[in-house]
Amino acid sequence: MVQRRAVLAAIGGIAGGSLAGCSGDEPAESTESDYPEYTDVPDDVKEYLSNTSNFDGTGVDRTDAEEVSVTVGARGNGSYWAFDPAVVAVSPGTTVVWEWTGRGSTHNVASPDGREPLYSGPAVTSSSETYAYTFEESGAYQYVCEPHEIQGMKGAVIVV
């Protein structure tokens, strides 16, 4: 009887994991919930991100961090066409590091319409790609993945 229970438990665990989307093909869960919510997102940023599936009107408060990571090629907008988190609030002097997952085709980080200051360079696929920028001035910095802008792959850093 003990062996039968062990076998059934093992089968149940495998089936449950498959049903829950826990296969090796799925990305790790978002870590956004590990941080406080940032609710003071400016209206122009809300409008800019209105077609971004993983933006719910709030951001992540990382004003206590010296360095913050943003995932490039996170699950969203119908594929791996999202930044995670979509909005992050930081303090002046914080470095934001965008880290590529290697999913969702080629991505980059750029200020919209070629404005300054963000530009990671031409879009790349590599999962080892990173781009870092240290924000010194207060304000809202919007950015986009140029190849996937139409899909809604946009984000913002709010420096408070």
Protein backbone atom coordinates (compact mmCIF):
# COMPACT_ATOMS: atom_id res chain seq x y z
CA MET A 1 0.00 0.00 0.00
CA VAL A 2 2.86 2.40 0.77
CA GLN A 3 4.40 1.86 -2.68
CA ARG A 4 1.07 2.50 -4.40
CA ARG A 5 0.68 5.81 -2.51
CA ALA A 6 4.22 6.86 -3.44
CA VAL A 7 3.61 6.09 -7.12
CA LEU A 8 0.28 7.94 -7.11
CA ALA A 9 1.84 10.92 -5.34
CA ALA A 10 4.64 11.03 -7.90
CA ILE A 11 2.22 10.83 -10.82
CA GLY A 12 0.04 13.51 -9.25
CA GLY A 13 3.04 15.78 -8.78
CA ILE A 14 4.09 15.37 -12.40
CA ALA A 15 0.58 15.96 -13.72
CA GLY A 16 0.01 18.89 -11.39
CA GLY A 17 3.27 20.49 -12.41
CA SER A 18 2.38 20.15 -16.09
CA LEU A 19 -1.08 21.58 -15.58
CA ALA A 20 0.29 24.49 -13.55
CA GLY A 21 2.64 25.50 -16.37
CA CYS A 22 5.75 24.48 -14.50
CA SER A 23 7.55 23.00 -17.47
CA GLY A 24 11.08 24.05 -18.28
CA ASP A 25 9.77 26.11 -21.21
CA GLU A 26 8.01 28.66 -18.99
CA PRO A 27 9.77 31.70 -17.53
CA ALA A 28 10.24 32.14 -13.81
CA GLU A 29 7.48 33.93 -11.94
CA SER A 30 7.76 37.69 -11.77
CA THR A 31 9.45 39.04 -8.66
CA GLU A 32 7.43 42.26 -8.70
CA SER A 33 5.38 41.17 -5.69
CA ASP A 34 8.58 40.95 -3.63
CA TYR A 35 8.72 44.76 -3.54
CA PRO A 36 6.33 47.48 -2.42
CA GLU A 37 3.90 48.88 -4.96
CA TYR A 38 4.51 52.34 -6.40
CA THR A 39 1.16 54.08 -6.95
CA ASP A 40 2.17 57.64 -7.89
CA VAL A 41 2.67 56.88 -11.60
CA PRO A 42 2.27 60.13 -13.60
CA ASP A 43 -0.68 60.35 -16.00
CA ASP A 44 1.57 60.72 -19.07
CA VAL A 45 3.33 57.46 -18.16
CA LYS A 46 -0.03 55.72 -17.66
CA GLU A 47 -1.11 56.92 -21.11
CA TYR A 48 2.21 55.83 -22.66
CA LEU A 49 1.83 52.33 -21.20
CA SER A 50 -1.91 51.99 -21.84
CA ASN A 51 -1.39 49.22 -24.44
CA THR A 52 1.15 47.29 -22.35
CA SER A 53 -0.41 44.07 -21.03
CA ASN A 54 1.68 43.79 -17.87
CA PHE A 55 1.04 47.36 -16.67
CA ASP A 56 -1.85 47.70 -14.23
CA GLY A 57 -1.48 51.39 -13.37
CA THR A 58 1.12 50.85 -10.65
CA GLY A 59 4.82 50.18 -10.53
CA VAL A 60 7.42 48.71 -8.23
CA ASP A 61 9.04 50.88 -5.54
CA ARG A 62 12.80 50.32 -5.52
CA THR A 63 13.75 53.73 -4.13
CA ASP A 64 15.81 51.91 -1.48
CA ALA A 65 18.10 50.16 -3.99
CA GLU A 66 21.44 51.23 -5.47
CA GLU A 67 20.94 48.88 -8.44
CA VAL A 68 17.72 47.54 -9.96
CA SER A 69 17.18 44.82 -12.58
CA VAL A 70 14.56 44.91 -15.34
CA THR A 71 13.92 41.78 -17.40
CA VAL A 72 13.96 42.22 -21.19
CA GLY A 73 11.90 39.58 -22.97
CA ALA A 74 9.54 38.78 -20.10
CA ARG A 75 6.16 37.14 -20.74
CA GLY A 76 3.61 39.73 -21.86
CA ASN A 77 1.86 41.33 -24.83
CA GLY A 78 1.14 37.96 -26.46
CA SER A 79 4.66 36.51 -26.28
CA TYR A 80 7.96 37.38 -24.62
CA TRP A 81 7.48 41.02 -25.54
CA ALA A 82 7.54 42.76 -22.15
CA PHE A 83 9.78 44.48 -19.66
CA ASP A 84 9.39 43.26 -16.07
CA PRO A 85 8.60 45.33 -14.16
CA ALA A 86 6.91 47.68 -16.62
CA VAL A 87 7.39 50.61 -14.22
CA VAL A 88 10.00 50.96 -11.51
CA ALA A 89 10.50 53.91 -9.16
CA VAL A 90 14.09 54.63 -8.08
CA SER A 91 16.06 57.34 -6.31
CA PRO A 92 18.61 59.60 -8.04
CA GLY A 93 21.94 57.80 -8.41
CA THR A 94 20.35 54.37 -8.91
CA THR A 95 21.64 52.18 -11.72
CA VAL A 96 19.04 50.24 -13.67
CA VAL A 97 20.32 47.11 -15.40
CA TRP A 98 18.21 45.64 -18.19
CA GLU A 99 18.86 41.89 -18.52
CA TRP A 100 17.91 39.95 -21.67
CA THR A 101 16.21 36.54 -21.36
CA GLY A 102 16.98 35.48 -24.94
CA ARG A 103 13.23 34.98 -25.56
CA GLY A 104 10.83 36.77 -27.87
CA SER A 105 13.24 37.41 -30.72
CA THR A 106 15.49 40.48 -30.75
CA HIS A 107 15.08 43.32 -28.25
CA ASN A 108 16.66 46.61 -27.31
CA VAL A 109 16.05 49.49 -24.91
CA ALA A 110 15.60 52.95 -26.40
CA SER A 111 14.05 56.26 -25.51
CA PRO A 112 11.01 56.79 -27.76
CA ASP A 113 11.52 58.65 -31.02
CA GLY A 114 15.30 58.60 -30.61
CA ARG A 115 15.23 61.00 -27.66
CA GLU A 116 17.95 60.85 -25.02
CA PRO A 117 19.18 59.31 -22.80
CA LEU A 118 18.44 55.59 -23.23
CA TYR A 119 19.83 53.46 -26.04
CA SER A 120 21.21 49.95 -25.62
CA GLY A 121 22.18 49.72 -29.27
CA PRO A 122 20.77 47.57 -32.07
CA ALA A 123 18.33 44.83 -31.06
CA VAL A 124 19.91 41.54 -29.97
CA THR A 125 18.69 38.07 -29.01
CA SER A 126 21.42 36.94 -26.59
CA SER A 127 20.41 35.85 -23.10
CA SER A 128 23.71 37.23 -21.79
CA GLU A 129 23.08 40.81 -22.96
CA THR A 130 22.79 43.59 -20.38
CA TYR A 131 22.48 47.35 -20.56
CA ALA A 132 22.95 49.68 -17.59
CA TYR A 133 22.14 53.32 -17.05
CA THR A 134 22.52 55.42 -13.88
CA PHE A 135 19.70 57.90 -13.39
CA GLU A 136 20.91 61.13 -11.79
CA GLU A 137 18.00 63.53 -12.48
CA SER A 138 14.44 63.28 -11.17
CA GLY A 139 11.73 62.66 -13.75
CA ALA A 140 9.90 60.00 -15.74
CA TYR A 141 11.99 58.18 -18.33
CA GLN A 142 9.96 56.22 -20.87
CA TYR A 143 11.54 53.55 -23.03
CA VAL A 144 10.63 51.00 -25.66
CA CYS A 145 11.87 47.91 -27.45
CA GLU A 146 11.99 49.27 -30.99
CA PRO A 147 11.17 45.99 -32.79
CA HIS A 148 8.17 45.31 -30.48
CA GLU A 149 6.79 48.77 -29.76
CA ILE A 150 3.61 48.05 -31.72
CA GLN A 151 3.03 44.95 -29.56
CA GLY A 152 3.24 47.14 -26.42
CA MET A 153 6.78 46.38 -25.24
CA LYS A 154 7.32 49.58 -23.30
CA GLY A 155 8.45 50.58 -19.85
CA ALA A 156 9.29 53.50 -17.61
CA VAL A 157 11.69 54.44 -14.86
CA ILE A 158 10.44 57.08 -12.46
CA VAL A 159 13.19 58.86 -10.54
CA VAL A 160 11.82 60.43 -7.35
